[in-house]
Amino acid sequence: MKFIVASLLFLSAMLGNVFANEVNVFTSRHYESDIELYKKFTEQTGIKVNVISGEDGALQKRIKEEDKDSKADLYITADAGKLGTFEAEGLFQTGASSNLIKSVVPEQLRTEYWVGIAKRARVIFYDPSRTTPNPNLSYEDLSYPEFKGKIVIRQSNSVYNQSLVASLIENDGLEETKIWVKEFVKNFARPAKGNDRSQILAVAAGEADYAIANTYYIALMLSGEKGSEQEVAARKVKILFPNQKGRGTHMNISGAGILKHAPNKDNAVKLLEFLVTPEAQKHIVNNTFEYPIIDGVEPSPLISQFGLDFKQDLETNVSTFAKRQAEALRIMTEAGWN
């Protein structure tokens, strides 16, 4: 009997070691290129990456319900506000920022609970055949009466817009941002609707003079992945990087955090460290058209053609977005931003 028990314990330990050579990723990023990147990680380390994809709400619900029984190690999503919400709800554990990560990822783009793996710029799009904007235009300027009926943007429930307004609150104060939002909404060319590509298409079609959207959307259109009509439309517009005389253009992130009950924490850290290597960063920026999180890697040519030396707002810590998003959404809806 003792021999059988000992054998079972040995077998259990061996199986545990086998299963430990993996990392379980829950992600709301829907990029096939990410899967290719995980395969490269497996080839280099021997650590298998198991991926569960879904919408943020559904994944968060599952993680909460499974609690200590959850097998999830890493949660990957777009937007610092979402990561901050996970952190605030106690779903992450510390340890995401290893010494290696701290040495390459700026402090403003990470916490002890999560780490940025790519940057996203939210900018102004315009058609140069119809308008020539002031190169020193700021987000704050877009509330001026001269822009009445000229701006398109997606709805207030867009987390990208909530983070943008959250950054304005952080920099300009709540009361001043309330006034800004109220006047900004008056300048909409149409009720807020659609995704970021819809805003760019509206400018290309002459429905508005200015659109606010993330840069990677135009690269996606220019790549031809969304069809020839969108590629042609994208060629009509240009990018203006706001706030170049001030704090710089609003930057958000895609990022990842280690979940509270991660069974394979060490492997999760290894995957995070891999994602911020030059090799992985080059793969990310050339497939998702985001900006690199580390120095020494250039964006995709589809993005870099619009400028590489623009001033990025890297002073506003992205961890503040989650803390300000509830306030941001409230003043947006109060101002009639549907």
C-alpha atoms as a PDB file:
ATOM      1  CA  MET A   1       0.000   0.000   0.000  1.00  0.00           C
ATOM      2  CA  LYS A   2       2.791   2.396   0.921  1.00  0.00           C
ATOM      3  CA  PHE A   3       4.425   1.661  -2.425  1.00  0.00           C
ATOM      4  CA  ILE A   4       1.171   2.435  -4.277  1.00  0.00           C
ATOM      5  CA  VAL A   5       0.654   5.696  -2.354  1.00  0.00           C
ATOM      6  CA  ALA A   6       4.245   6.753  -2.959  1.00  0.00           C
ATOM      7  CA  SER A   7       3.906   5.905  -6.650  1.00  0.00           C
ATOM      8  CA  LEU A   8       0.724   7.945  -6.915  1.00  0.00           C
ATOM      9  CA  LEU A   9       2.356  10.899  -5.184  1.00  0.00           C
ATOM     10  CA  PHE A  10       5.342  10.641  -7.522  1.00  0.00           C
ATOM     11  CA  LEU A  11       3.033  10.456 -10.557  1.00  0.00           C
ATOM     12  CA  SER A  12       1.045  13.423  -9.302  1.00  0.00           C
ATOM     13  CA  ALA A  13       4.224  15.440  -8.854  1.00  0.00           C
ATOM     14  CA  MET A  14       5.410  14.503 -12.325  1.00  0.00           C
ATOM     15  CA  LEU A  15       2.081  15.457 -13.882  1.00  0.00           C
ATOM     16  CA  GLY A  16       2.143  18.724 -11.944  1.00  0.00           C
ATOM     17  CA  ASN A  17       5.538  19.542 -13.431  1.00  0.00           C
ATOM     18  CA  VAL A  18       4.246  18.760 -16.921  1.00  0.00           C
ATOM     19  CA  PHE A  19       1.166  20.919 -16.531  1.00  0.00           C
ATOM     20  CA  ALA A  20       3.232  23.693 -14.972  1.00  0.00           C
ATOM     21  CA  ASN A  21       5.129  24.110 -18.231  1.00  0.00           C
ATOM     22  CA  GLU A  22       2.331  26.234 -19.629  1.00  0.00           C
ATOM     23  CA  VAL A  23       0.714  29.635 -19.277  1.00  0.00           C
ATOM     24  CA  ASN A  24      -3.004  30.345 -19.636  1.00  0.00           C
ATOM     25  CA  VAL A  25      -3.863  33.627 -21.337  1.00  0.00           C
ATOM     26  CA  PHE A  26      -7.278  35.281 -21.242  1.00  0.00           C
ATOM     27  CA  THR A  27      -7.378  38.027 -23.857  1.00  0.00           C
ATOM     28  CA  SER A  28      -9.826  40.482 -25.380  1.00  0.00           C
ATOM     29  CA  ARG A  29      -7.369  41.274 -28.176  1.00  0.00           C
ATOM     30  CA  HIS A  30      -8.637  39.577 -31.323  1.00  0.00           C
ATOM     31  CA  TYR A  31      -5.478  39.425 -33.418  1.00  0.00           C
ATOM     32  CA  GLU A  32      -4.303  36.292 -35.169  1.00  0.00           C
ATOM     33  CA  SER A  33      -0.831  37.839 -35.094  1.00  0.00           C
ATOM     34  CA  ASP A  34      -0.866  37.589 -31.275  1.00  0.00           C
ATOM     35  CA  ILE A  35      -1.329  33.830 -31.595  1.00  0.00           C
ATOM     36  CA  GLU A  36       1.685  33.709 -33.919  1.00  0.00           C
ATOM     37  CA  LEU A  37       3.664  35.618 -31.301  1.00  0.00           C
ATOM     38  CA  TYR A  38       2.739  33.142 -28.572  1.00  0.00           C
ATOM     39  CA  LYS A  39       3.946  30.324 -30.828  1.00  0.00           C
ATOM     40  CA  LYS A  40       7.332  32.048 -31.084  1.00  0.00           C
ATOM     41  CA  PHE A  41       7.442  32.231 -27.285  1.00  0.00           C
ATOM     42  CA  THR A  42       6.730  28.499 -27.059  1.00  0.00           C
ATOM     43  CA  GLU A  43       9.459  27.719 -29.592  1.00  0.00           C
ATOM     44  CA  GLN A  44      12.001  29.678 -27.561  1.00  0.00           C
ATOM     45  CA  THR A  45      11.018  28.568 -24.065  1.00  0.00           C
ATOM     46  CA  GLY A  46       9.116  25.289 -24.392  1.00  0.00           C
ATOM     47  CA  ILE A  47       6.262  26.868 -22.422  1.00  0.00           C
ATOM     48  CA  LYS A  48       2.876  26.154 -23.986  1.00  0.00           C
ATOM     49  CA  VAL A  49       0.492  29.104 -24.295  1.00  0.00           C
ATOM     50  CA  ASN A  50      -3.211  28.288 -23.918  1.00  0.00           C
ATOM     51  CA  VAL A  51      -5.435  31.117 -25.152  1.00  0.00           C
ATOM     52  CA  ILE A  52      -9.024  31.956 -24.244  1.00  0.00           C
ATOM     53  CA  SER A  53     -10.373  34.912 -26.259  1.00  0.00           C
ATOM     54  CA  GLY A  54     -13.522  36.900 -25.575  1.00  0.00           C
ATOM     55  CA  GLU A  55     -15.032  40.248 -24.703  1.00  0.00           C
ATOM     56  CA  ASP A  56     -13.780  41.972 -21.559  1.00  0.00           C
ATOM     57  CA  GLY A  57     -17.065  41.705 -19.687  1.00  0.00           C
ATOM     58  CA  ALA A  58     -17.503  37.980 -20.325  1.00  0.00           C
ATOM     59  CA  LEU A  59     -13.900  37.163 -19.438  1.00  0.00           C
ATOM     60  CA  GLN A  60     -14.023  39.231 -16.267  1.00  0.00           C
ATOM     61  CA  LYS A  61     -17.274  37.512 -15.233  1.00  0.00           C
ATOM     62  CA  ARG A  62     -15.714  34.091 -15.754  1.00  0.00           C
ATOM     63  CA  ILE A  63     -12.594  34.974 -13.784  1.00  0.00           C
ATOM     64  CA  LYS A  64     -14.701  36.234 -10.875  1.00  0.00           C
ATOM     65  CA  GLU A  65     -17.003  33.225 -10.869  1.00  0.00           C
ATOM     66  CA  GLU A  66     -14.172  30.692 -11.002  1.00  0.00           C
ATOM     67  CA  ASP A  67     -12.257  32.600  -8.313  1.00  0.00           C
ATOM     68  CA  LYS A  68      -9.615  30.300  -6.762  1.00  0.00           C
ATOM     69  CA  ASP A  69     -10.450  27.566  -9.259  1.00  0.00           C
ATOM     70  CA  SER A  70      -9.532  29.794 -12.190  1.00  0.00           C
ATOM     71  CA  LYS A  71      -6.688  28.514 -14.359  1.00  0.00           C
ATOM     72  CA  ALA A  72      -6.108  31.941 -15.904  1.00  0.00           C
ATOM     73  CA  ASP A  73      -2.589  33.325 -15.509  1.00  0.00           C
ATOM     74  CA  LEU A  74      -2.497  36.460 -17.652  1.00  0.00           C
ATOM     75  CA  TYR A  75      -5.211  38.885 -18.678  1.00  0.00           C
ATOM     76  CA  ILE A  76      -4.476  40.910 -21.824  1.00  0.00           C
ATOM     77  CA  THR A  77      -6.625  43.784 -23.050  1.00  0.00           C
ATOM     78  CA  ALA A  78      -6.592  47.194 -24.709  1.00  0.00           C
ATOM     79  CA  ASP A  79      -6.926  50.325 -22.560  1.00  0.00           C
ATOM     80  CA  ALA A  80      -5.263  51.198 -19.276  1.00  0.00           C
ATOM     81  CA  GLY A  81      -8.661  51.959 -17.778  1.00  0.00           C
ATOM     82  CA  LYS A  82      -9.747  48.334 -18.125  1.00  0.00           C
ATOM     83  CA  LEU A  83      -6.515  47.141 -16.541  1.00  0.00           C
ATOM     84  CA  GLY A  84      -6.954  49.625 -13.721  1.00  0.00           C
ATOM     85  CA  THR A  85     -10.504  48.378 -13.115  1.00  0.00           C
ATOM     86  CA  PHE A  86      -9.227  44.788 -12.821  1.00  0.00           C
ATOM     87  CA  GLU A  87      -6.610  45.998 -10.365  1.00  0.00           C
ATOM     88  CA  ALA A  88      -9.155  47.959  -8.303  1.00  0.00           C
ATOM     89  CA  GLU A  89     -11.407  44.904  -8.057  1.00  0.00           C
ATOM     90  CA  GLY A  90      -8.555  42.804  -6.693  1.00  0.00           C
ATOM     91  CA  LEU A  91      -8.305  40.517  -9.710  1.00  0.00           C
ATOM     92  CA  PHE A  92      -4.563  41.026 -10.227  1.00  0.00           C
ATOM     93  CA  GLN A  93      -1.568  40.237  -8.050  1.00  0.00           C
ATOM     94  CA  THR A  94       1.716  42.118  -7.843  1.00  0.00           C
ATOM     95  CA  GLY A  95       4.837  40.987  -9.652  1.00  0.00           C
ATOM     96  CA  ALA A  96       3.984  41.990 -13.221  1.00  0.00           C
ATOM     97  CA  SER A  97       6.825  44.507 -13.370  1.00  0.00           C
ATOM     98  CA  SER A  98       9.963  42.404 -13.057  1.00  0.00           C
ATOM     99  CA  ASN A  99      13.382  44.054 -13.000  1.00  0.00           C
ATOM    100  CA  LEU A 100      13.753  43.365 -16.723  1.00  0.00           C
ATOM    101  CA  ILE A 101      10.398  44.998 -17.473  1.00  0.00           C
ATOM    102  CA  LYS A 102      11.193  47.985 -15.271  1.00  0.00           C
ATOM    103  CA  SER A 103      14.398  48.508 -17.241  1.00  0.00           C
ATOM    104  CA  VAL A 104      12.620  48.874 -20.612  1.00  0.00           C
ATOM    105  CA  VAL A 105       8.995  49.962 -19.981  1.00  0.00           C
ATOM    106  CA  PRO A 106       8.523  53.585 -18.794  1.00  0.00           C
ATOM    107  CA  GLU A 107       7.132  53.942 -15.280  1.00  0.00           C
ATOM    108  CA  GLN A 108       4.061  55.831 -16.545  1.00  0.00           C
ATOM    109  CA  LEU A 109       3.038  52.808 -18.639  1.00  0.00           C
ATOM    110  CA  ARG A 110       3.057  50.118 -15.958  1.00  0.00           C
ATOM    111  CA  THR A 111       2.277  49.323 -12.342  1.00  0.00           C
ATOM    112  CA  GLU A 112       3.192  46.429 -10.066  1.00  0.00           C
ATOM    113  CA  TYR A 113      -0.049  44.780 -11.214  1.00  0.00           C
ATOM    114  CA  TRP A 114       0.070  45.236 -14.998  1.00  0.00           C
ATOM    115  CA  VAL A 115       2.372  46.239 -17.824  1.00  0.00           C
ATOM    116  CA  GLY A 116       1.878  48.016 -21.130  1.00  0.00           C
ATOM    117  CA  ILE A 117       2.880  45.938 -24.153  1.00  0.00           C
ATOM    118  CA  ALA A 118       2.067  48.527 -26.870  1.00  0.00           C
ATOM    119  CA  LYS A 119       1.048  52.180 -27.084  1.00  0.00           C
ATOM    120  CA  ARG A 120      -1.948  53.695 -28.863  1.00  0.00           C
ATOM    121  CA  ALA A 121      -2.238  57.335 -29.924  1.00  0.00           C
ATOM    122  CA  ARG A 122      -5.655  59.039 -30.113  1.00  0.00           C
ATOM    123  CA  VAL A 123      -5.306  61.786 -32.708  1.00  0.00           C
ATOM    124  CA  ILE A 124      -7.129  64.166 -35.033  1.00  0.00           C
ATOM    125  CA  PHE A 125      -7.795  63.190 -38.656  1.00  0.00           C
ATOM    126  CA  TYR A 126      -8.523  65.723 -41.403  1.00  0.00           C
ATOM    127  CA  ASP A 127      -8.782  66.003 -45.178  1.00  0.00           C
ATOM    128  CA  PRO A 128      -6.016  68.380 -46.397  1.00  0.00           C
ATOM    129  CA  SER A 129      -7.972  69.116 -49.578  1.00  0.00           C
ATOM    130  CA  ARG A 130     -10.665  70.832 -47.504  1.00  0.00           C
ATOM    131  CA  THR A 131      -8.998  72.184 -44.389  1.00  0.00           C
ATOM    132  CA  THR A 132      -5.606  73.204 -43.049  1.00  0.00           C
ATOM    133  CA  PRO A 133      -5.628  72.959 -39.255  1.00  0.00           C
ATOM    134  CA  ASN A 134      -3.280  74.822 -36.972  1.00  0.00           C
ATOM    135  CA  PRO A 135      -0.350  72.423 -36.385  1.00  0.00           C
ATOM    136  CA  ASN A 136      -0.444  73.401 -32.710  1.00  0.00           C
ATOM    137  CA  LEU A 137      -4.077  72.364 -32.288  1.00  0.00           C
ATOM    138  CA  SER A 138      -4.944  70.826 -28.917  1.00  0.00           C
ATOM    139  CA  TYR A 139      -7.798  68.636 -27.707  1.00  0.00           C
ATOM    140  CA  GLU A 140      -8.881  71.596 -25.609  1.00  0.00           C
ATOM    141  CA  ASP A 141      -9.179  73.805 -28.735  1.00  0.00           C
ATOM    142  CA  LEU A 142     -11.869  71.517 -30.184  1.00  0.00           C
ATOM    143  CA  SER A 143     -14.448  73.071 -27.858  1.00  0.00           C
ATOM    144  CA  TYR A 144     -14.161  76.459 -29.596  1.00  0.00           C
ATOM    145  CA  PRO A 145     -17.158  77.761 -31.603  1.00  0.00           C
ATOM    146  CA  GLU A 146     -15.112  77.763 -34.827  1.00  0.00           C
ATOM    147  CA  PHE A 147     -15.403  73.954 -34.871  1.00  0.00           C
ATOM    148  CA  LYS A 148     -19.192  73.905 -34.685  1.00  0.00           C
ATOM    149  CA  GLY A 149     -20.621  71.131 -36.876  1.00  0.00           C
ATOM    150  CA  LYS A 150     -17.168  69.931 -37.917  1.00  0.00           C
ATOM    151  CA  ILE A 151     -16.222  67.036 -35.599  1.00  0.00           C
ATOM    152  CA  VAL A 152     -17.083  63.324 -35.577  1.00  0.00           C
ATOM    153  CA  ILE A 153     -16.273  60.874 -32.821  1.00  0.00           C
ATOM    154  CA  ARG A 154     -17.635  57.604 -31.480  1.00  0.00           C
ATOM    155  CA  GLN A 155     -20.049  57.327 -28.554  1.00  0.00           C
ATOM    156  CA  SER A 156     -19.383  58.048 -24.890  1.00  0.00           C
ATOM    157  CA  ASN A 157     -19.479  54.344 -24.051  1.00  0.00           C
ATOM    158  CA  SER A 158     -16.219  53.919 -25.951  1.00  0.00           C
ATOM    159  CA  VAL A 159     -13.520  53.214 -23.405  1.00  0.00           C
ATOM    160  CA  TYR A 160     -11.070  55.032 -25.685  1.00  0.00           C
ATOM    161  CA  ASN A 161     -13.086  58.234 -25.324  1.00  0.00           C
ATOM    162  CA  GLN A 162     -13.528  57.724 -21.604  1.00  0.00           C
ATOM    163  CA  SER A 163      -9.769  57.442 -21.173  1.00  0.00           C
ATOM    164  CA  LEU A 164      -9.210  60.540 -23.319  1.00  0.00           C
ATOM    165  CA  VAL A 165     -11.616  62.581 -21.201  1.00  0.00           C
ATOM    166  CA  ALA A 166     -10.122  61.030 -18.051  1.00  0.00           C
ATOM    167  CA  SER A 167      -6.731  62.346 -19.136  1.00  0.00           C
ATOM    168  CA  LEU A 168      -8.240  65.816 -19.634  1.00  0.00           C
ATOM    169  CA  ILE A 169      -9.667  65.690 -16.111  1.00  0.00           C
ATOM    170  CA  GLU A 170      -6.285  64.636 -14.772  1.00  0.00           C
ATOM    171  CA  ASN A 171      -4.519  67.518 -16.540  1.00  0.00           C
ATOM    172  CA  ASP A 172      -7.111  70.309 -16.613  1.00  0.00           C
ATOM    173  CA  GLY A 173      -9.292  69.523 -13.613  1.00  0.00           C
ATOM    174  CA  LEU A 174     -12.877  68.291 -13.361  1.00  0.00           C
ATOM    175  CA  GLU A 175     -14.665  71.634 -13.532  1.00  0.00           C
ATOM    176  CA  GLU A 176     -12.736  72.864 -16.557  1.00  0.00           C
ATOM    177  CA  THR A 177     -13.254  69.550 -18.342  1.00  0.00           C
ATOM    178  CA  LYS A 178     -16.999  69.735 -17.635  1.00  0.00           C
ATOM    179  CA  ILE A 179     -17.103  73.026 -19.526  1.00  0.00           C
ATOM    180  CA  TRP A 180     -14.938  71.588 -22.291  1.00  0.00           C
ATOM    181  CA  VAL A 181     -17.180  68.551 -22.811  1.00  0.00           C
ATOM    182  CA  LYS A 182     -20.330  70.697 -22.882  1.00  0.00           C
ATOM    183  CA  GLU A 183     -18.903  72.920 -25.637  1.00  0.00           C
ATOM    184  CA  PHE A 184     -17.187  70.058 -27.460  1.00  0.00           C
ATOM    185  CA  VAL A 185     -20.470  68.173 -27.914  1.00  0.00           C
ATOM    186  CA  LYS A 186     -21.974  71.259 -29.566  1.00  0.00           C
ATOM    187  CA  ASN A 187     -19.378  70.910 -32.313  1.00  0.00           C
ATOM    188  CA  PHE A 188     -20.409  67.414 -33.437  1.00  0.00           C
ATOM    189  CA  ALA A 189     -21.262  67.148 -37.130  1.00  0.00           C
ATOM    190  CA  ARG A 190     -23.643  64.272 -36.297  1.00  0.00           C
ATOM    191  CA  PRO A 191     -24.654  62.273 -33.234  1.00  0.00           C
ATOM    192  CA  ALA A 192     -21.760  60.138 -32.025  1.00  0.00           C
ATOM    193  CA  LYS A 193     -21.881  56.691 -33.606  1.00  0.00           C
ATOM    194  CA  GLY A 194     -19.798  53.932 -35.180  1.00  0.00           C
ATOM    195  CA  ASN A 195     -16.251  52.760 -34.569  1.00  0.00           C
ATOM    196  CA  ASP A 196     -13.037  54.679 -35.198  1.00  0.00           C
ATOM    197  CA  ARG A 197     -12.910  53.678 -38.853  1.00  0.00           C
ATOM    198  CA  SER A 198     -16.398  55.162 -39.286  1.00  0.00           C
ATOM    199  CA  GLN A 199     -15.083  58.526 -38.125  1.00  0.00           C
ATOM    200  CA  ILE A 200     -12.176  58.446 -40.587  1.00  0.00           C
ATOM    201  CA  LEU A 201     -14.541  57.452 -43.405  1.00  0.00           C
ATOM    202  CA  ALA A 202     -16.832  60.358 -42.518  1.00  0.00           C
ATOM    203  CA  VAL A 203     -13.979  62.825 -42.980  1.00  0.00           C
ATOM    204  CA  ALA A 204     -12.925  61.188 -46.249  1.00  0.00           C
ATOM    205  CA  ALA A 205     -16.532  61.451 -47.491  1.00  0.00           C
ATOM    206  CA  GLY A 206     -16.797  65.143 -46.591  1.00  0.00           C
ATOM    207  CA  GLU A 207     -19.319  64.604 -43.791  1.00  0.00           C
ATOM    208  CA  ALA A 208     -17.021  66.311 -41.282  1.00  0.00           C
ATOM    209  CA  ASP A 209     -13.751  68.211 -41.242  1.00  0.00           C
ATOM    210  CA  TYR A 210     -12.210  66.494 -38.229  1.00  0.00           C
ATOM    211  CA  ALA A 211     -12.350  63.067 -36.607  1.00  0.00           C
ATOM    212  CA  ILE A 212     -10.865  61.769 -33.390  1.00  0.00           C
ATOM    213  CA  ALA A 213      -9.666  58.181 -33.631  1.00  0.00           C
ATOM    214  CA  ASN A 214      -6.731  55.901 -32.842  1.00  0.00           C
ATOM    215  CA  THR A 215      -3.891  55.869 -35.347  1.00  0.00           C
ATOM    216  CA  TYR A 216      -3.796  52.108 -35.914  1.00  0.00           C
ATOM    217  CA  TYR A 217      -7.220  52.247 -37.584  1.00  0.00           C
ATOM    218  CA  ILE A 218      -5.930  54.221 -40.554  1.00  0.00           C
ATOM    219  CA  ALA A 219      -2.991  51.841 -40.903  1.00  0.00           C
ATOM    220  CA  LEU A 220      -5.432  48.945 -40.927  1.00  0.00           C
ATOM    221  CA  MET A 221      -7.368  50.677 -43.698  1.00  0.00           C
ATOM    222  CA  LEU A 222      -4.229  51.539 -45.668  1.00  0.00           C
ATOM    223  CA  SER A 223      -3.056  47.938 -45.434  1.00  0.00           C
ATOM    224  CA  GLY A 224      -5.968  46.860 -47.613  1.00  0.00           C
ATOM    225  CA  GLU A 225      -7.239  44.416 -44.982  1.00  0.00           C
ATOM    226  CA  LYS A 226     -10.587  46.209 -44.882  1.00  0.00           C
ATOM    227  CA  GLY A 227     -11.092  46.354 -48.641  1.00  0.00           C
ATOM    228  CA  SER A 228     -10.128  48.660 -51.484  1.00  0.00           C
ATOM    229  CA  GLU A 229     -12.832  51.261 -50.753  1.00  0.00           C
ATOM    230  CA  GLN A 230     -11.519  51.892 -47.243  1.00  0.00           C
ATOM    231  CA  GLU A 231      -7.939  51.911 -48.520  1.00  0.00           C
ATOM    232  CA  VAL A 232      -8.821  54.633 -51.049  1.00  0.00           C
ATOM    233  CA  ALA A 233     -10.684  56.624 -48.401  1.00  0.00           C
ATOM    234  CA  ALA A 234      -7.767  56.407 -45.970  1.00  0.00           C
ATOM    235  CA  ARG A 235      -5.438  57.924 -48.543  1.00  0.00           C
ATOM    236  CA  LYS A 236      -7.511  61.115 -48.485  1.00  0.00           C
ATOM    237  CA  VAL A 237      -6.875  61.939 -44.852  1.00  0.00           C
ATOM    238  CA  LYS A 238      -3.902  62.942 -42.743  1.00  0.00           C
ATOM    239  CA  ILE A 239      -3.069  62.869 -39.047  1.00  0.00           C
ATOM    240  CA  LEU A 240      -2.572  65.819 -36.746  1.00  0.00           C
ATOM    241  CA  PHE A 241      -0.945  65.036 -33.405  1.00  0.00           C
ATOM    242  CA  PRO A 242      -2.607  67.283 -30.787  1.00  0.00           C
ATOM    243  CA  ASN A 243      -1.041  69.217 -27.909  1.00  0.00           C
ATOM    244  CA  GLN A 244       2.439  69.421 -29.400  1.00  0.00           C
ATOM    245  CA  LYS A 245       3.084  72.708 -27.589  1.00  0.00           C
ATOM    246  CA  GLY A 246       1.919  71.229 -24.303  1.00  0.00           C
ATOM    247  CA  ARG A 247       1.913  67.800 -22.684  1.00  0.00           C
ATOM    248  CA  GLY A 248       1.795  65.920 -25.995  1.00  0.00           C
ATOM    249  CA  THR A 249      -0.631  63.564 -27.722  1.00  0.00           C
ATOM    250  CA  HIS A 250      -2.809  61.329 -25.555  1.00  0.00           C
ATOM    251  CA  MET A 251      -1.333  57.827 -25.366  1.00  0.00           C
ATOM    252  CA  ASN A 252      -3.153  54.740 -24.145  1.00  0.00           C
ATOM    253  CA  ILE A 253      -1.889  51.158 -24.040  1.00  0.00           C
ATOM    254  CA  SER A 254      -2.569  47.536 -24.655  1.00  0.00           C
ATOM    255  CA  GLY A 255      -1.379  45.700 -21.589  1.00  0.00           C
ATOM    256  CA  ALA A 256      -1.399  42.612 -19.424  1.00  0.00           C
ATOM    257  CA  GLY A 257      -1.689  41.727 -15.754  1.00  0.00           C
ATOM    258  CA  ILE A 258      -1.053  38.596 -13.711  1.00  0.00           C
ATOM    259  CA  LEU A 259      -4.294  37.276 -12.238  1.00  0.00           C
ATOM    260  CA  LYS A 260      -4.715  36.798  -8.503  1.00  0.00           C
ATOM    261  CA  HIS A 261      -4.897  33.010  -8.522  1.00  0.00           C
ATOM    262  CA  ALA A 262      -2.504  32.393 -11.432  1.00  0.00           C
ATOM    263  CA  PRO A 263      -1.263  28.795 -11.153  1.00  0.00           C
ATOM    264  CA  ASN A 264       1.724  29.515 -13.422  1.00  0.00           C
ATOM    265  CA  LYS A 265       2.909  32.932 -12.267  1.00  0.00           C
ATOM    266  CA  ASP A 266       6.572  32.409 -13.155  1.00  0.00           C
ATOM    267  CA  ASN A 267       5.653  31.457 -16.704  1.00  0.00           C
ATOM    268  CA  ALA A 268       3.322  34.458 -16.905  1.00  0.00           C
ATOM    269  CA  VAL A 269       6.207  36.763 -15.985  1.00  0.00           C
ATOM    270  CA  LYS A 270       8.372  35.095 -18.632  1.00  0.00           C
ATOM    271  CA  LEU A 271       5.692  35.734 -21.263  1.00  0.00           C
ATOM    272  CA  LEU A 272       5.390  39.381 -20.184  1.00  0.00           C
ATOM    273  CA  GLU A 273       9.157  39.778 -20.443  1.00  0.00           C
ATOM    274  CA  PHE A 274       9.099  38.209 -23.903  1.00  0.00           C
ATOM    275  CA  LEU A 275       6.378  40.606 -25.077  1.00  0.00           C
ATOM    276  CA  VAL A 276       8.604  43.616 -24.403  1.00  0.00           C
ATOM    277  CA  THR A 277      11.662  42.248 -26.223  1.00  0.00           C
ATOM    278  CA  PRO A 278      12.659  43.959 -29.490  1.00  0.00           C
ATOM    279  CA  GLU A 279      11.697  40.828 -31.427  1.00  0.00           C
ATOM    280  CA  ALA A 280       8.172  40.721 -30.005  1.00  0.00           C
ATOM    281  CA  GLN A 281       7.737  44.485 -30.236  1.00  0.00           C
ATOM    282  CA  LYS A 282       8.622  44.469 -33.939  1.00  0.00           C
ATOM    283  CA  HIS A 283       6.063  41.709 -34.479  1.00  0.00           C
ATOM    284  CA  ILE A 284       3.355  43.645 -32.624  1.00  0.00           C
ATOM    285  CA  VAL A 285       3.831  47.005 -34.324  1.00  0.00           C
ATOM    286  CA  ASN A 286       4.038  45.513 -37.817  1.00  0.00           C
ATOM    287  CA  ASN A 287       0.865  43.484 -37.385  1.00  0.00           C
ATOM    288  CA  THR A 288      -1.435  45.541 -35.146  1.00  0.00           C
ATOM    289  CA  PHE A 289       0.006  48.943 -36.142  1.00  0.00           C
ATOM    290  CA  GLU A 290       0.338  50.128 -32.544  1.00  0.00           C
ATOM    291  CA  TYR A 291       3.359  52.035 -31.237  1.00  0.00           C
ATOM    292  CA  PRO A 292       6.190  50.161 -29.489  1.00  0.00           C
ATOM    293  CA  ILE A 293       6.290  50.277 -25.709  1.00  0.00           C
ATOM    294  CA  ILE A 294      10.115  50.213 -25.667  1.00  0.00           C
ATOM    295  CA  ASP A 295      12.774  52.411 -27.241  1.00  0.00           C
ATOM    296  CA  GLY A 296      14.738  51.300 -30.278  1.00  0.00           C
ATOM    297  CA  VAL A 297      11.818  49.862 -32.268  1.00  0.00           C
ATOM    298  CA  GLU A 298      10.105  51.845 -35.021  1.00  0.00           C
ATOM    299  CA  PRO A 299       6.372  51.639 -35.778  1.00  0.00           C
ATOM    300  CA  SER A 300       5.074  50.070 -38.966  1.00  0.00           C
ATOM    301  CA  PRO A 301       5.837  52.136 -42.099  1.00  0.00           C
ATOM    302  CA  LEU A 302       2.063  52.572 -42.496  1.00  0.00           C
ATOM    303  CA  ILE A 303       2.113  54.561 -39.253  1.00  0.00           C
ATOM    304  CA  SER A 304       5.595  56.087 -39.307  1.00  0.00           C
ATOM    305  CA  GLN A 305       4.803  57.895 -42.586  1.00  0.00           C
ATOM    306  CA  PHE A 306       2.687  60.304 -40.534  1.00  0.00           C
ATOM    307  CA  GLY A 307       5.620  61.253 -38.325  1.00  0.00           C
ATOM    308  CA  LEU A 308       7.936  59.692 -35.784  1.00  0.00           C
ATOM    309  CA  ASP A 309       9.078  62.708 -33.801  1.00  0.00           C
ATOM    310  CA  PHE A 310       5.744  63.868 -32.406  1.00  0.00           C
ATOM    311  CA  LYS A 311       5.533  64.609 -28.695  1.00  0.00           C
ATOM    312  CA  GLN A 312       3.761  61.855 -26.778  1.00  0.00           C
ATOM    313  CA  ASP A 313       2.085  62.508 -23.449  1.00  0.00           C
ATOM    314  CA  LEU A 314       4.204  60.242 -21.294  1.00  0.00           C
ATOM    315  CA  GLU A 315       3.896  62.474 -18.244  1.00  0.00           C
ATOM    316  CA  THR A 316       0.282  61.564 -17.526  1.00  0.00           C
ATOM    317  CA  ASN A 317       0.436  58.181 -15.834  1.00  0.00           C
ATOM    318  CA  VAL A 318      -1.984  55.869 -17.635  1.00  0.00           C
ATOM    319  CA  SER A 319      -2.961  54.320 -14.294  1.00  0.00           C
ATOM    320  CA  THR A 320      -4.986  57.490 -13.632  1.00  0.00           C
ATOM    321  CA  PHE A 321      -7.407  56.689 -16.457  1.00  0.00           C
ATOM    322  CA  ALA A 322      -9.300  54.058 -14.460  1.00  0.00           C
ATOM    323  CA  LYS A 323      -9.563  56.389 -11.482  1.00  0.00           C
ATOM    324  CA  ARG A 324     -11.094  59.128 -13.642  1.00  0.00           C
ATOM    325  CA  GLN A 325     -13.242  57.128 -16.080  1.00  0.00           C
ATOM    326  CA  ALA A 326     -16.413  57.139 -13.947  1.00  0.00           C
ATOM    327  CA  GLU A 327     -16.196  60.930 -13.664  1.00  0.00           C
ATOM    328  CA  ALA A 328     -15.461  61.153 -17.375  1.00  0.00           C
ATOM    329  CA  LEU A 329     -18.491  59.100 -18.392  1.00  0.00           C
ATOM    330  CA  ARG A 330     -20.753  61.050 -16.055  1.00  0.00           C
ATOM    331  CA  ILE A 331     -19.863  64.469 -17.448  1.00  0.00           C
ATOM    332  CA  MET A 332     -19.978  63.131 -21.026  1.00  0.00           C
ATOM    333  CA  THR A 333     -23.521  61.831 -20.627  1.00  0.00           C
ATOM    334  CA  GLU A 334     -24.620  64.952 -18.728  1.00  0.00           C
ATOM    335  CA  ALA A 335     -23.411  67.018 -21.701  1.00  0.00           C
ATOM    336  CA  GLY A 336     -25.535  64.964 -24.117  1.00  0.00           C
ATOM    337  CA  TRP A 337     -22.721  62.905 -25.564  1.00  0.00           C
ATOM    338  CA  ASN A 338     -24.758  59.854 -26.540  1.00  0.00           C
END
